[in-house]
């Protein structure tokens, strides 16, 4: 029988955060689908309505946390999948740097857009 290998240390911080962000993403994605596909139908979504929703501080903070959780979960998941496939040494550090920069850029830009749409900036 093949040995199970994971780059996550069971019970470690990365392992825990991957699961916590997954649970948070499931909940906020359900909220998103309910609000934007059942309460408001997709064809009714307009820029002005998005701005109006983002002016609600609770909604805006939820969407920012959704963005941050999704960025962390995605970057961490891709990185660990590559490590599990055998990525080591310098390529591992380069991939970590590129993924980290991409994740940070996504979070900074997304947060900026949310704050502008919410009327804070």
PDB file of N, CA and C in Angstrom:
ATOM      1  N   UNK A   1       0.848  -1.180   0.000  1.00  0.00           N
ATOM      2  CA  UNK A   1       0.000   0.000   0.000  1.00  0.00           C
ATOM      3  C   UNK A   1       0.895   1.246   0.000  1.00  0.00           C
ATOM      4  N   UNK A   2       0.540   2.222  -0.791  1.00  0.00           N
ATOM      5  CA  UNK A   2       1.343   3.445  -0.918  1.00  0.00           C
ATOM      6  C   UNK A   2       1.205   4.301   0.335  1.00  0.00           C
ATOM      7  N   UNK A   3       2.297   4.944   0.679  1.00  0.00           N
ATOM      8  CA  UNK A   3       2.286   5.853   1.818  1.00  0.00           C
ATOM      9  C   UNK A   3       1.583   7.147   1.434  1.00  0.00           C
ATOM     10  N   UNK A   4       0.825   7.685   2.352  1.00  0.00           N
ATOM     11  CA  UNK A   4       0.164   8.969   2.128  1.00  0.00           C
ATOM     12  C   UNK A   4       1.156  10.065   2.473  1.00  0.00           C
ATOM     13  N   UNK A   5       1.328  11.022   1.548  1.00  0.00           N
ATOM     14  CA  UNK A   5       2.227  12.138   1.799  1.00  0.00           C
ATOM     15  C   UNK A   5       1.467  13.442   1.665  1.00  0.00           C
ATOM     16  N   UNK A   6       1.713  14.334   2.586  1.00  0.00           N
ATOM     17  CA  UNK A   6       1.142  15.665   2.498  1.00  0.00           C
ATOM     18  C   UNK A   6       2.162  16.662   2.998  1.00  0.00           C
ATOM     19  N   UNK A   7       2.253  17.797   2.326  1.00  0.00           N
ATOM     20  CA  UNK A   7       3.168  18.843   2.772  1.00  0.00           C
ATOM     21  C   UNK A   7       2.634  19.552   4.005  1.00  0.00           C
ATOM     22  N   UNK A   8       1.339  19.355   4.307  1.00  0.00           N
ATOM     23  CA  UNK A   8       0.765  19.926   5.516  1.00  0.00           C
ATOM     24  C   UNK A   8       1.171  19.075   6.703  1.00  0.00           C
ATOM     25  N   UNK A   9       1.569  19.738   7.788  1.00  0.00           N
ATOM     26  CA  UNK A   9       1.794  19.031   9.035  1.00  0.00           C
ATOM     27  C   UNK A   9       0.441  18.912   9.714  1.00  0.00           C
ATOM     28  N   UNK A  10      -0.067  17.670   9.900  1.00  0.00           N
ATOM     29  CA  UNK A  10      -1.387  17.530  10.540  1.00  0.00           C
ATOM     30  C   UNK A  10      -1.418  18.267  11.873  1.00  0.00           C
ATOM     31  N   UNK A  11      -2.411  19.103  12.046  1.00  0.00           N
ATOM     32  CA  UNK A  11      -2.525  19.895  13.262  1.00  0.00           C
ATOM     33  C   UNK A  11      -1.712  21.176  13.237  1.00  0.00           C
ATOM     34  N   UNK A  12      -0.937  21.416  12.171  1.00  0.00           N
ATOM     35  CA  UNK A  12      -0.128  22.628  12.062  1.00  0.00           C
ATOM     36  C   UNK A  12      -0.975  23.832  11.671  1.00  0.00           C
ATOM     37  N   UNK A  13      -0.380  25.004  11.708  1.00  0.00           N
ATOM     38  CA  UNK A  13      -1.090  26.243  11.405  1.00  0.00           C
ATOM     39  C   UNK A  13      -1.592  26.284   9.963  1.00  0.00           C
ATOM     40  N   UNK A  14      -0.747  25.886   9.015  1.00  0.00           N
ATOM     41  CA  UNK A  14      -1.160  25.874   7.610  1.00  0.00           C
ATOM     42  C   UNK A  14      -2.322  24.924   7.379  1.00  0.00           C
ATOM     43  N   UNK A  15      -2.228  23.760   7.995  1.00  0.00           N
ATOM     44  CA  UNK A  15      -3.293  22.755   7.891  1.00  0.00           C
ATOM     45  C   UNK A  15      -4.599  23.327   8.446  1.00  0.00           C
ATOM     46  N   UNK A  16      -4.515  23.939   9.634  1.00  0.00           N
ATOM     47  CA  UNK A  16      -5.703  24.507  10.278  1.00  0.00           C
ATOM     48  C   UNK A  16      -6.296  25.649   9.451  1.00  0.00           C
ATOM     49  N   UNK A  17      -5.456  26.576   8.995  1.00  0.00           N
ATOM     50  CA  UNK A  17      -5.955  27.713   8.224  1.00  0.00           C
ATOM     51  C   UNK A  17      -6.587  27.279   6.904  1.00  0.00           C
ATOM     52  N   UNK A  18      -6.050  26.226   6.283  1.00  0.00           N
ATOM     53  CA  UNK A  18      -6.640  25.731   5.045  1.00  0.00           C
ATOM     54  C   UNK A  18      -8.063  25.244   5.302  1.00  0.00           C
ATOM     55  N   UNK A  19      -8.287  24.581   6.424  1.00  0.00           N
ATOM     56  CA  UNK A  19      -9.621  24.078   6.748  1.00  0.00           C
ATOM     57  C   UNK A  19     -10.564  25.184   7.211  1.00  0.00           C
ATOM     58  N   UNK A  20     -10.053  26.127   7.991  1.00  0.00           N
ATOM     59  CA  UNK A  20     -10.885  27.243   8.455  1.00  0.00           C
ATOM     60  C   UNK A  20     -11.327  28.103   7.275  1.00  0.00           C
ATOM     61  N   UNK A  21     -10.397  28.403   6.365  1.00  0.00           N
ATOM     62  CA  UNK A  21     -10.778  29.206   5.203  1.00  0.00           C
ATOM     63  C   UNK A  21     -11.744  28.442   4.303  1.00  0.00           C
ATOM     64  N   UNK A  22     -11.590  27.130   4.210  1.00  0.00           N
ATOM     65  CA  UNK A  22     -12.531  26.334   3.409  1.00  0.00           C
ATOM     66  C   UNK A  22     -13.940  26.437   3.980  1.00  0.00           C
ATOM     67  N   UNK A  23     -14.068  26.297   5.291  1.00  0.00           N
ATOM     68  CA  UNK A  23     -15.389  26.392   5.929  1.00  0.00           C
ATOM     69  C   UNK A  23     -15.974  27.788   5.738  1.00  0.00           C
ATOM     70  N   UNK A  24     -15.148  28.819   5.916  1.00  0.00           N
ATOM     71  CA  UNK A  24     -15.611  30.198   5.729  1.00  0.00           C
ATOM     72  C   UNK A  24     -16.047  30.425   4.286  1.00  0.00           C
ATOM     73  N   UNK A  25     -15.287  29.897   3.334  1.00  0.00           N
ATOM     74  CA  UNK A  25     -15.630  30.068   1.923  1.00  0.00           C
ATOM     75  C   UNK A  25     -16.945  29.380   1.578  1.00  0.00           C
ATOM     76  N   UNK A  26     -17.194  28.220   2.145  1.00  0.00           N
ATOM     77  CA  UNK A  26     -18.462  27.527   1.888  1.00  0.00           C
ATOM     78  C   UNK A  26     -19.624  28.383   2.380  1.00  0.00           C
ATOM     79  N   UNK A  27     -19.491  28.960   3.583  1.00  0.00           N
ATOM     80  CA  UNK A  27     -20.565  29.781   4.144  1.00  0.00           C
ATOM     81  C   UNK A  27     -20.770  31.069   3.348  1.00  0.00           C
ATOM     82  N   UNK A  28     -19.693  31.769   3.034  1.00  0.00           N
ATOM     83  CA  UNK A  28     -19.850  33.036   2.318  1.00  0.00           C
ATOM     84  C   UNK A  28     -20.260  32.809   0.860  1.00  0.00           C
ATOM     85  N   UNK A  29     -19.842  31.705   0.279  1.00  0.00           N
ATOM     86  CA  UNK A  29     -20.292  31.409  -1.085  1.00  0.00           C
ATOM     87  C   UNK A  29     -21.791  31.113  -1.099  1.00  0.00           C
ATOM     88  N   UNK A  30     -22.267  30.412  -0.068  1.00  0.00           N
ATOM     89  CA  UNK A  30     -23.710  30.157   0.038  1.00  0.00           C
ATOM     90  C   UNK A  30     -24.460  31.482   0.191  1.00  0.00           C
ATOM     91  N   UNK A  31     -23.936  32.390   1.019  1.00  0.00           N
ATOM     92  CA  UNK A  31     -24.530  33.717   1.199  1.00  0.00           C
ATOM     93  C   UNK A  31     -24.557  34.466  -0.139  1.00  0.00           C
ATOM     94  N   UNK A  32     -23.436  34.417  -0.858  1.00  0.00           N
ATOM     95  CA  UNK A  32     -23.333  35.093  -2.156  1.00  0.00           C
ATOM     96  C   UNK A  32     -24.377  34.550  -3.135  1.00  0.00           C
ATOM     97  N   UNK A  33     -24.450  33.242  -3.258  1.00  0.00           N
ATOM     98  CA  UNK A  33     -25.414  32.651  -4.192  1.00  0.00           C
ATOM     99  C   UNK A  33     -26.844  32.985  -3.791  1.00  0.00           C
ATOM    100  N   UNK A  34     -27.142  32.904  -2.501  1.00  0.00           N
ATOM    101  CA  UNK A  34     -28.500  33.220  -2.049  1.00  0.00           C
ATOM    102  C   UNK A  34     -28.847  34.663  -2.393  1.00  0.00           C
ATOM    103  N   UNK A  35     -27.954  35.590  -2.038  1.00  0.00           N
ATOM    104  CA  UNK A  35     -28.233  37.010  -2.246  1.00  0.00           C
ATOM    105  C   UNK A  35     -28.256  37.398  -3.722  1.00  0.00           C
ATOM    106  N   UNK A  36     -27.292  36.910  -4.490  1.00  0.00           N
ATOM    107  CA  UNK A  36     -27.150  37.381  -5.866  1.00  0.00           C
ATOM    108  C   UNK A  36     -27.763  36.457  -6.919  1.00  0.00           C
ATOM    109  N   UNK A  37     -28.374  35.374  -6.499  1.00  0.00           N
ATOM    110  CA  UNK A  37     -29.009  34.500  -7.485  1.00  0.00           C
ATOM    111  C   UNK A  37     -30.442  34.147  -7.124  1.00  0.00           C
ATOM    112  N   UNK A  38     -30.810  34.346  -5.864  1.00  0.00           N
ATOM    113  CA  UNK A  38     -32.184  34.055  -5.460  1.00  0.00           C
ATOM    114  C   UNK A  38     -32.929  35.311  -5.030  1.00  0.00           C
ATOM    115  N   UNK A  39     -32.307  36.137  -4.191  1.00  0.00           N
ATOM    116  CA  UNK A  39     -32.937  37.399  -3.782  1.00  0.00           C
ATOM    117  C   UNK A  39     -32.913  38.374  -4.957  1.00  0.00           C
ATOM    118  N   UNK A  40     -31.748  38.574  -5.540  1.00  0.00           N
ATOM    119  CA  UNK A  40     -31.583  39.381  -6.756  1.00  0.00           C
ATOM    120  C   UNK A  40     -31.153  38.422  -7.856  1.00  0.00           C
ATOM    121  N   UNK A  41     -31.879  38.394  -8.940  1.00  0.00           N
ATOM    122  CA  UNK A  41     -31.509  37.500 -10.029  1.00  0.00           C
ATOM    123  C   UNK A  41     -30.356  38.094 -10.824  1.00  0.00           C
ATOM    124  N   UNK A  42     -29.579  37.234 -11.436  1.00  0.00           N
ATOM    125  CA  UNK A  42     -28.352  37.659 -12.118  1.00  0.00           C
ATOM    126  C   UNK A  42     -28.599  38.773 -13.126  1.00  0.00           C
ATOM    127  N   UNK A  43     -29.687  38.714 -13.841  1.00  0.00           N
ATOM    128  CA  UNK A  43     -29.954  39.745 -14.849  1.00  0.00           C
ATOM    129  C   UNK A  43     -30.301  41.097 -14.222  1.00  0.00           C
ATOM    130  N   UNK A  44     -30.595  41.131 -12.914  1.00  0.00           N
ATOM    131  CA  UNK A  44     -30.925  42.382 -12.227  1.00  0.00           C
ATOM    132  C   UNK A  44     -29.694  43.065 -11.630  1.00  0.00           C
ATOM    133  N   UNK A  45     -28.557  42.399 -11.631  1.00  0.00           N
ATOM    134  CA  UNK A  45     -27.355  42.937 -11.007  1.00  0.00           C
ATOM    135  C   UNK A  45     -26.775  44.044 -11.885  1.00  0.00           C
ATOM    136  N   UNK A  46     -26.616  45.214 -11.285  1.00  0.00           N
ATOM    137  CA  UNK A  46     -26.054  46.365 -11.980  1.00  0.00           C
ATOM    138  C   UNK A  46     -24.989  47.008 -11.106  1.00  0.00           C
ATOM    139  N   UNK A  47     -24.173  47.838 -11.713  1.00  0.00           N
ATOM    140  CA  UNK A  47     -23.092  48.505 -10.993  1.00  0.00           C
ATOM    141  C   UNK A  47     -23.629  49.316  -9.809  1.00  0.00           C
ATOM    142  N   UNK A  48     -24.709  50.050 -10.017  1.00  0.00           N
ATOM    143  CA  UNK A  48     -25.282  50.886  -8.950  1.00  0.00           C
ATOM    144  C   UNK A  48     -25.741  50.020  -7.774  1.00  0.00           C
ATOM    145  N   UNK A  49     -26.299  48.865  -8.071  1.00  0.00           N
ATOM    146  CA  UNK A  49     -26.721  47.963  -7.003  1.00  0.00           C
ATOM    147  C   UNK A  49     -25.538  47.402  -6.237  1.00  0.00           C
ATOM    148  N   UNK A  50     -24.467  47.124  -6.955  1.00  0.00           N
ATOM    149  CA  UNK A  50     -23.249  46.639  -6.302  1.00  0.00           C
ATOM    150  C   UNK A  50     -22.691  47.715  -5.386  1.00  0.00           C
ATOM    151  N   UNK A  51     -22.673  48.953  -5.859  1.00  0.00           N
ATOM    152  CA  UNK A  51     -22.211  50.063  -5.021  1.00  0.00           C
ATOM    153  C   UNK A  51     -23.088  50.207  -3.786  1.00  0.00           C
ATOM    154  N   UNK A  52     -24.386  50.077  -3.958  1.00  0.00           N
ATOM    155  CA  UNK A  52     -25.305  50.202  -2.831  1.00  0.00           C
ATOM    156  C   UNK A  52     -25.029  49.109  -1.796  1.00  0.00           C
ATOM    157  N   UNK A  53     -24.823  47.872  -2.240  1.00  0.00           N
ATOM    158  CA  UNK A  53     -24.533  46.788  -1.299  1.00  0.00           C
ATOM    159  C   UNK A  53     -23.213  47.022  -0.592  1.00  0.00           C
ATOM    160  N   UNK A  54     -22.215  47.527  -1.323  1.00  0.00           N
ATOM    161  CA  UNK A  54     -20.894  47.744  -0.727  1.00  0.00           C
ATOM    162  C   UNK A  54     -20.889  48.907   0.266  1.00  0.00           C
ATOM    163  N   UNK A  55     -21.876  49.789   0.204  1.00  0.00           N
ATOM    164  CA  UNK A  55     -21.971  50.875   1.178  1.00  0.00           C
ATOM    165  C   UNK A  55     -22.426  50.369   2.541  1.00  0.00           C
ATOM    166  N   UNK A  56     -22.972  49.159   2.594  1.00  0.00           N
ATOM    167  CA  UNK A  56     -23.319  48.525   3.866  1.00  0.00           C
ATOM    168  C   UNK A  56     -22.026  47.951   4.443  1.00  0.00           C
ATOM    169  N   UNK A  57     -21.589  48.486   5.598  1.00  0.00           N
ATOM    170  CA  UNK A  57     -20.295  48.124   6.170  1.00  0.00           C
ATOM    171  C   UNK A  57     -20.175  46.625   6.424  1.00  0.00           C
ATOM    172  N   UNK A  58     -21.219  46.009   6.931  1.00  0.00           N
ATOM    173  CA  UNK A  58     -21.171  44.575   7.203  1.00  0.00           C
ATOM    174  C   UNK A  58     -20.983  43.761   5.940  1.00  0.00           C
ATOM    175  N   UNK A  59     -21.700  44.131   4.887  1.00  0.00           N
ATOM    176  CA  UNK A  59     -21.575  43.440   3.603  1.00  0.00           C
ATOM    177  C   UNK A  59     -20.167  43.627   3.036  1.00  0.00           C
ATOM    178  N   UNK A  60     -19.674  44.869   3.070  1.00  0.00           N
ATOM    179  CA  UNK A  60     -18.357  45.141   2.519  1.00  0.00           C
ATOM    180  C   UNK A  60     -17.279  44.363   3.270  1.00  0.00           C
ATOM    181  N   UNK A  61     -17.342  44.349   4.595  1.00  0.00           N
ATOM    182  CA  UNK A  61     -16.350  43.612   5.375  1.00  0.00           C
ATOM    183  C   UNK A  61     -16.430  42.111   5.101  1.00  0.00           C
ATOM    184  N   UNK A  62     -17.642  41.604   4.930  1.00  0.00           N
ATOM    185  CA  UNK A  62     -17.810  40.187   4.601  1.00  0.00           C
ATOM    186  C   UNK A  62     -17.166  39.881   3.252  1.00  0.00           C
ATOM    187  N   UNK A  63     -17.370  40.745   2.274  1.00  0.00           N
ATOM    188  CA  UNK A  63     -16.788  40.514   0.952  1.00  0.00           C
ATOM    189  C   UNK A  63     -15.263  40.648   0.973  1.00  0.00           C
ATOM    190  N   UNK A  64     -14.741  41.556   1.785  1.00  0.00           N
ATOM    191  CA  UNK A  64     -13.287  41.679   1.911  1.00  0.00           C
ATOM    192  C   UNK A  64     -12.715  40.431   2.581  1.00  0.00           C
ATOM    193  N   UNK A  65     -13.367  39.946   3.628  1.00  0.00           N
ATOM    194  CA  UNK A  65     -12.898  38.717   4.281  1.00  0.00           C
ATOM    195  C   UNK A  65     -13.006  37.527   3.330  1.00  0.00           C
ATOM    196  N   UNK A  66     -14.053  37.516   2.500  1.00  0.00           N
ATOM    197  CA  UNK A  66     -14.222  36.472   1.490  1.00  0.00           C
ATOM    198  C   UNK A  66     -13.044  36.496   0.515  1.00  0.00           C
ATOM    199  N   UNK A  67     -12.677  37.683   0.069  1.00  0.00           N
ATOM    200  CA  UNK A  67     -11.542  37.839  -0.837  1.00  0.00           C
ATOM    201  C   UNK A  67     -10.250  37.349  -0.196  1.00  0.00           C
ATOM    202  N   UNK A  68      -9.979  37.789   1.020  1.00  0.00           N
ATOM    203  CA  UNK A  68      -8.746  37.406   1.711  1.00  0.00           C
ATOM    204  C   UNK A  68      -8.688  35.898   1.942  1.00  0.00           C
ATOM    205  N   UNK A  69      -9.813  35.322   2.381  1.00  0.00           N
ATOM    206  CA  UNK A  69      -9.853  33.876   2.627  1.00  0.00           C
ATOM    207  C   UNK A  69      -9.649  33.102   1.325  1.00  0.00           C
ATOM    208  N   UNK A  70     -10.298  33.551   0.255  1.00  0.00           N
ATOM    209  CA  UNK A  70     -10.162  32.865  -1.037  1.00  0.00           C
ATOM    210  C   UNK A  70      -8.733  32.967  -1.560  1.00  0.00           C
ATOM    211  N   UNK A  71      -8.124  34.128  -1.424  1.00  0.00           N
ATOM    212  CA  UNK A  71      -6.748  34.306  -1.892  1.00  0.00           C
ATOM    213  C   UNK A  71      -5.797  33.407  -1.108  1.00  0.00           C
ATOM    214  N   UNK A  72      -5.918  33.414   0.219  1.00  0.00           N
ATOM    215  CA  UNK A  72      -5.053  32.553   1.028  1.00  0.00           C
ATOM    216  C   UNK A  72      -5.284  31.081   0.697  1.00  0.00           C
ATOM    217  N   UNK A  73      -6.542  30.683   0.659  1.00  0.00           N
ATOM    218  CA  UNK A  73      -6.884  29.282   0.418  1.00  0.00           C
ATOM    219  C   UNK A  73      -6.358  28.824  -0.944  1.00  0.00           C
ATOM    220  N   UNK A  74      -6.525  29.654  -1.959  1.00  0.00           N
ATOM    221  CA  UNK A  74      -6.060  29.294  -3.296  1.00  0.00           C
ATOM    222  C   UNK A  74      -4.552  29.230  -3.394  1.00  0.00           C
ATOM    223  N   UNK A  75      -3.876  30.259  -2.920  1.00  0.00           N
ATOM    224  CA  UNK A  75      -2.410  30.300  -3.002  1.00  0.00           C
ATOM    225  C   UNK A  75      -1.810  29.170  -2.177  1.00  0.00           C
ATOM    226  N   UNK A  76      -2.295  28.988  -0.963  1.00  0.00           N
ATOM    227  CA  UNK A  76      -1.784  27.940  -0.091  1.00  0.00           C
ATOM    228  C   UNK A  76      -2.053  26.554  -0.683  1.00  0.00           C
ATOM    229  N   UNK A  77      -3.225  26.367  -1.255  1.00  0.00           N
ATOM    230  CA  UNK A  77      -3.565  25.086  -1.861  1.00  0.00           C
ATOM    231  C   UNK A  77      -2.708  24.759  -3.074  1.00  0.00           C
ATOM    232  N   UNK A  78      -2.514  25.735  -3.962  1.00  0.00           N
ATOM    233  CA  UNK A  78      -1.676  25.514  -5.149  1.00  0.00           C
ATOM    234  C   UNK A  78      -0.237  25.231  -4.727  1.00  0.00           C
ATOM    235  N   UNK A  79       0.287  26.021  -3.795  1.00  0.00           N
ATOM    236  CA  UNK A  79       1.662  25.822  -3.337  1.00  0.00           C
ATOM    237  C   UNK A  79       1.849  24.422  -2.748  1.00  0.00           C
ATOM    238  N   UNK A  80       0.945  24.022  -1.866  1.00  0.00           N
ATOM    239  CA  UNK A  80       1.091  22.712  -1.238  1.00  0.00           C
ATOM    240  C   UNK A  80       0.859  21.566  -2.224  1.00  0.00           C
ATOM    241  N   UNK A  81       0.011  21.767  -3.217  1.00  0.00           N
ATOM    242  CA  UNK A  81      -0.160  20.739  -4.252  1.00  0.00           C
ATOM    243  C   UNK A  81       1.148  20.561  -5.028  1.00  0.00           C
ATOM    244  N   UNK A  82       1.821  21.666  -5.342  1.00  0.00           N
ATOM    245  CA  UNK A  82       3.100  21.579  -6.048  1.00  0.00           C
ATOM    246  C   UNK A  82       4.171  20.930  -5.178  1.00  0.00           C
ATOM    247  N   UNK A  83       4.203  21.270  -3.904  1.00  0.00           N
ATOM    248  CA  UNK A  83       5.148  20.642  -2.981  1.00  0.00           C
ATOM    249  C   UNK A  83       4.872  19.141  -2.886  1.00  0.00           C
ATOM    250  N   UNK A  84       3.608  18.775  -2.836  1.00  0.00           N
ATOM    251  CA  UNK A  84       3.250  17.356  -2.779  1.00  0.00           C
ATOM    252  C   UNK A  84       3.674  16.607  -4.039  1.00  0.00           C
ATOM    253  N   UNK A  85       3.787  17.321  -5.161  1.00  0.00           N
ATOM    254  CA  UNK A  85       4.219  16.701  -6.418  1.00  0.00           C
ATOM    255  C   UNK A  85       5.741  16.617  -6.517  1.00  0.00           C
ATOM    256  N   UNK A  86       6.430  17.132  -5.505  1.00  0.00           N
ATOM    257  CA  UNK A  86       7.883  16.984  -5.468  1.00  0.00           C
ATOM    258  C   UNK A  86       8.681  18.246  -5.687  1.00  0.00           C
ATOM    259  N   UNK A  87       8.054  19.395  -5.682  1.00  0.00           N
ATOM    260  CA  UNK A  87       8.770  20.662  -5.862  1.00  0.00           C
ATOM    261  C   UNK A  87       9.683  20.900  -4.663  1.00  0.00           C
ATOM    262  N   UNK A  88      10.961  21.130  -4.921  1.00  0.00           N
ATOM    263  CA  UNK A  88      11.931  21.339  -3.835  1.00  0.00           C
ATOM    264  C   UNK A  88      12.953  22.396  -4.239  1.00  0.00           C
ATOM    265  N   UNK A  89      13.762  22.801  -3.284  1.00  0.00           N
ATOM    266  CA  UNK A  89      14.906  23.669  -3.537  1.00  0.00           C
ATOM    267  C   UNK A  89      14.534  25.052  -4.053  1.00  0.00           C
ATOM    268  N   UNK A  90      15.366  25.548  -4.967  1.00  0.00           N
ATOM    269  CA  UNK A  90      15.183  26.888  -5.526  1.00  0.00           C
ATOM    270  C   UNK A  90      13.847  27.050  -6.247  1.00  0.00           C
ATOM    271  N   UNK A  91      13.428  26.084  -7.072  1.00  0.00           N
ATOM    272  CA  UNK A  91      12.114  26.249  -7.709  1.00  0.00           C
ATOM    273  C   UNK A  91      10.976  26.399  -6.691  1.00  0.00           C
ATOM    274  N   UNK A  92      11.086  25.709  -5.584  1.00  0.00           N
ATOM    275  CA  UNK A  92      10.066  25.812  -4.532  1.00  0.00           C
ATOM    276  C   UNK A  92      10.014  27.233  -3.977  1.00  0.00           C
ATOM    277  N   UNK A  93      11.193  27.820  -3.724  1.00  0.00           N
ATOM    278  CA  UNK A  93      11.248  29.189  -3.202  1.00  0.00           C
ATOM    279  C   UNK A  93      10.755  30.203  -4.233  1.00  0.00           C
ATOM    280  N   UNK A  94      11.090  29.989  -5.499  1.00  0.00           N
ATOM    281  CA  UNK A  94      10.639  30.891  -6.566  1.00  0.00           C
ATOM    282  C   UNK A  94       9.116  30.839  -6.699  1.00  0.00           C
ATOM    283  N   UNK A  95       8.563  29.628  -6.701  1.00  0.00           N
ATOM    284  CA  UNK A  95       7.106  29.468  -6.800  1.00  0.00           C
ATOM    285  C   UNK A  95       6.428  30.106  -5.595  1.00  0.00           C
ATOM    286  N   UNK A  96       6.984  29.906  -4.402  1.00  0.00           N
ATOM    287  CA  UNK A  96       6.410  30.533  -3.200  1.00  0.00           C
ATOM    288  C   UNK A  96       6.414  32.051  -3.338  1.00  0.00           C
ATOM    289  N   UNK A  97       7.512  32.616  -3.841  1.00  0.00           N
ATOM    290  CA  UNK A  97       7.591  34.062  -4.025  1.00  0.00           C
ATOM    291  C   UNK A  97       6.582  34.578  -5.038  1.00  0.00           C
ATOM    292  N   UNK A  98       6.474  33.888  -6.167  1.00  0.00           N
ATOM    293  CA  UNK A  98       5.536  34.315  -7.216  1.00  0.00           C
ATOM    294  C   UNK A  98       4.100  34.211  -6.727  1.00  0.00           C
ATOM    295  N   UNK A  99       3.753  33.089  -6.110  1.00  0.00           N
ATOM    296  CA  UNK A  99       2.388  32.922  -5.599  1.00  0.00           C
ATOM    297  C   UNK A  99       2.076  33.936  -4.496  1.00  0.00           C
ATOM    298  N   UNK A 100       3.049  34.192  -3.635  1.00  0.00           N
ATOM    299  CA  UNK A 100       2.837  35.173  -2.565  1.00  0.00           C
ATOM    300  C   UNK A 100       2.599  36.569  -3.135  1.00  0.00           C
ATOM    301  N   UNK A 101       3.419  36.969  -4.104  1.00  0.00           N
ATOM    302  CA  UNK A 101       3.241  38.288  -4.725  1.00  0.00           C
ATOM    303  C   UNK A 101       1.897  38.385  -5.443  1.00  0.00           C
ATOM    304  N   UNK A 102       1.517  37.324  -6.144  1.00  0.00           N
ATOM    305  CA  UNK A 102       0.226  37.325  -6.839  1.00  0.00           C
ATOM    306  C   UNK A 102      -0.923  37.426  -5.841  1.00  0.00           C
ATOM    307  N   UNK A 103      -0.835  36.681  -4.742  1.00  0.00           N
ATOM    308  CA  UNK A 103      -1.881  36.728  -3.712  1.00  0.00           C
ATOM    309  C   UNK A 103      -1.978  38.096  -3.063  1.00  0.00           C
ATOM    310  N   UNK A 104      -0.831  38.684  -2.760  1.00  0.00           N
ATOM    311  CA  UNK A 104      -0.817  40.021  -2.153  1.00  0.00           C
ATOM    312  C   UNK A 104      -1.386  41.052  -3.126  1.00  0.00           C
ATOM    313  N   UNK A 105      -0.995  40.977  -4.392  1.00  0.00           N
ATOM    314  CA  UNK A 105      -1.522  41.912  -5.397  1.00  0.00           C
ATOM    315  C   UNK A 105      -3.041  41.777  -5.513  1.00  0.00           C
ATOM    316  N   UNK A 106      -3.538  40.557  -5.523  1.00  0.00           N
ATOM    317  CA  UNK A 106      -4.980  40.314  -5.602  1.00  0.00           C
ATOM    318  C   UNK A 106      -5.702  40.911  -4.399  1.00  0.00           C
ATOM    319  N   UNK A 107      -5.173  40.685  -3.213  1.00  0.00           N
ATOM    320  CA  UNK A 107      -5.810  41.188  -1.994  1.00  0.00           C
ATOM    321  C   UNK A 107      -5.768  42.712  -1.936  1.00  0.00           C
ATOM    322  N   UNK A 108      -4.637  43.307  -2.289  1.00  0.00           N
ATOM    323  CA  UNK A 108      -4.519  44.769  -2.268  1.00  0.00           C
ATOM    324  C   UNK A 108      -5.481  45.401  -3.269  1.00  0.00           C
ATOM    325  N   UNK A 109      -5.485  44.905  -4.503  1.00  0.00           N
ATOM    326  CA  UNK A 109      -6.363  45.470  -5.530  1.00  0.00           C
ATOM    327  C   UNK A 109      -7.827  45.248  -5.186  1.00  0.00           C
ATOM    328  N   UNK A 110      -8.176  44.056  -4.761  1.00  0.00           N
ATOM    329  CA  UNK A 110      -9.564  43.755  -4.412  1.00  0.00           C
ATOM    330  C   UNK A 110     -10.066  44.561  -3.231  1.00  0.00           C
ATOM    331  N   UNK A 111      -9.217  44.733  -2.231  1.00  0.00           N
ATOM    332  CA  UNK A 111      -9.592  45.539  -1.066  1.00  0.00           C
ATOM    333  C   UNK A 111      -9.764  46.996  -1.468  1.00  0.00           C
ATOM    334  N   UNK A 112      -8.870  47.494  -2.311  1.00  0.00           N
ATOM    335  CA  UNK A 112      -8.979  48.870  -2.801  1.00  0.00           C
ATOM    336  C   UNK A 112     -10.303  49.079  -3.539  1.00  0.00           C
ATOM    337  N   UNK A 113     -10.655  48.163  -4.428  1.00  0.00           N
ATOM    338  CA  UNK A 113     -11.896  48.274  -5.183  1.00  0.00           C
ATOM    339  C   UNK A 113     -13.097  48.252  -4.233  1.00  0.00           C
ATOM    340  N   UNK A 114     -13.066  47.362  -3.246  1.00  0.00           N
ATOM    341  CA  UNK A 114     -14.167  47.279  -2.284  1.00  0.00           C
ATOM    342  C   UNK A 114     -14.315  48.589  -1.504  1.00  0.00           C
ATOM    343  N   UNK A 115     -13.197  49.159  -1.069  1.00  0.00           N
ATOM    344  CA  UNK A 115     -13.254  50.413  -0.308  1.00  0.00           C
ATOM    345  C   UNK A 115     -13.757  51.575  -1.173  1.00  0.00           C
ATOM    346  N   UNK A 116     -13.336  51.596  -2.426  1.00  0.00           N
ATOM    347  CA  UNK A 116     -13.816  52.650  -3.344  1.00  0.00           C
ATOM    348  C   UNK A 116     -15.298  52.479  -3.589  1.00  0.00           C
ATOM    349  N   UNK A 117     -15.731  51.250  -3.855  1.00  0.00           N
ATOM    350  CA  UNK A 117     -17.154  51.014  -4.111  1.00  0.00           C
ATOM    351  C   UNK A 117     -18.005  51.267  -2.881  1.00  0.00           C
ATOM    352  N   UNK A 118     -17.409  51.096  -1.705  1.00  0.00           N
ATOM    353  CA  UNK A 118     -18.128  51.361  -0.464  1.00  0.00           C
ATOM    354  C   UNK A 118     -18.129  52.831  -0.075  1.00  0.00           C
ATOM    355  N   UNK A 119     -17.444  53.657  -0.846  1.00  0.00           N
ATOM    356  CA  UNK A 119     -17.432  55.088  -0.586  1.00  0.00           C
ATOM    357  C   UNK A 119     -16.458  55.508   0.510  1.00  0.00           C
ATOM    358  N   UNK A 120     -15.567  54.608   0.902  1.00  0.00           N
ATOM    359  CA  UNK A 120     -14.599  54.934   1.961  1.00  0.00           C
ATOM    360  C   UNK A 120     -13.394  55.672   1.379  1.00  0.00           C
ATOM    361  N   UNK A 121     -12.965  55.313   0.179  1.00  0.00           N
ATOM    362  CA  UNK A 121     -11.834  56.001  -0.482  1.00  0.00           C
ATOM    363  C   UNK A 121     -12.342  56.816  -1.659  1.00  0.00           C
TER     364      UNK A 121
END
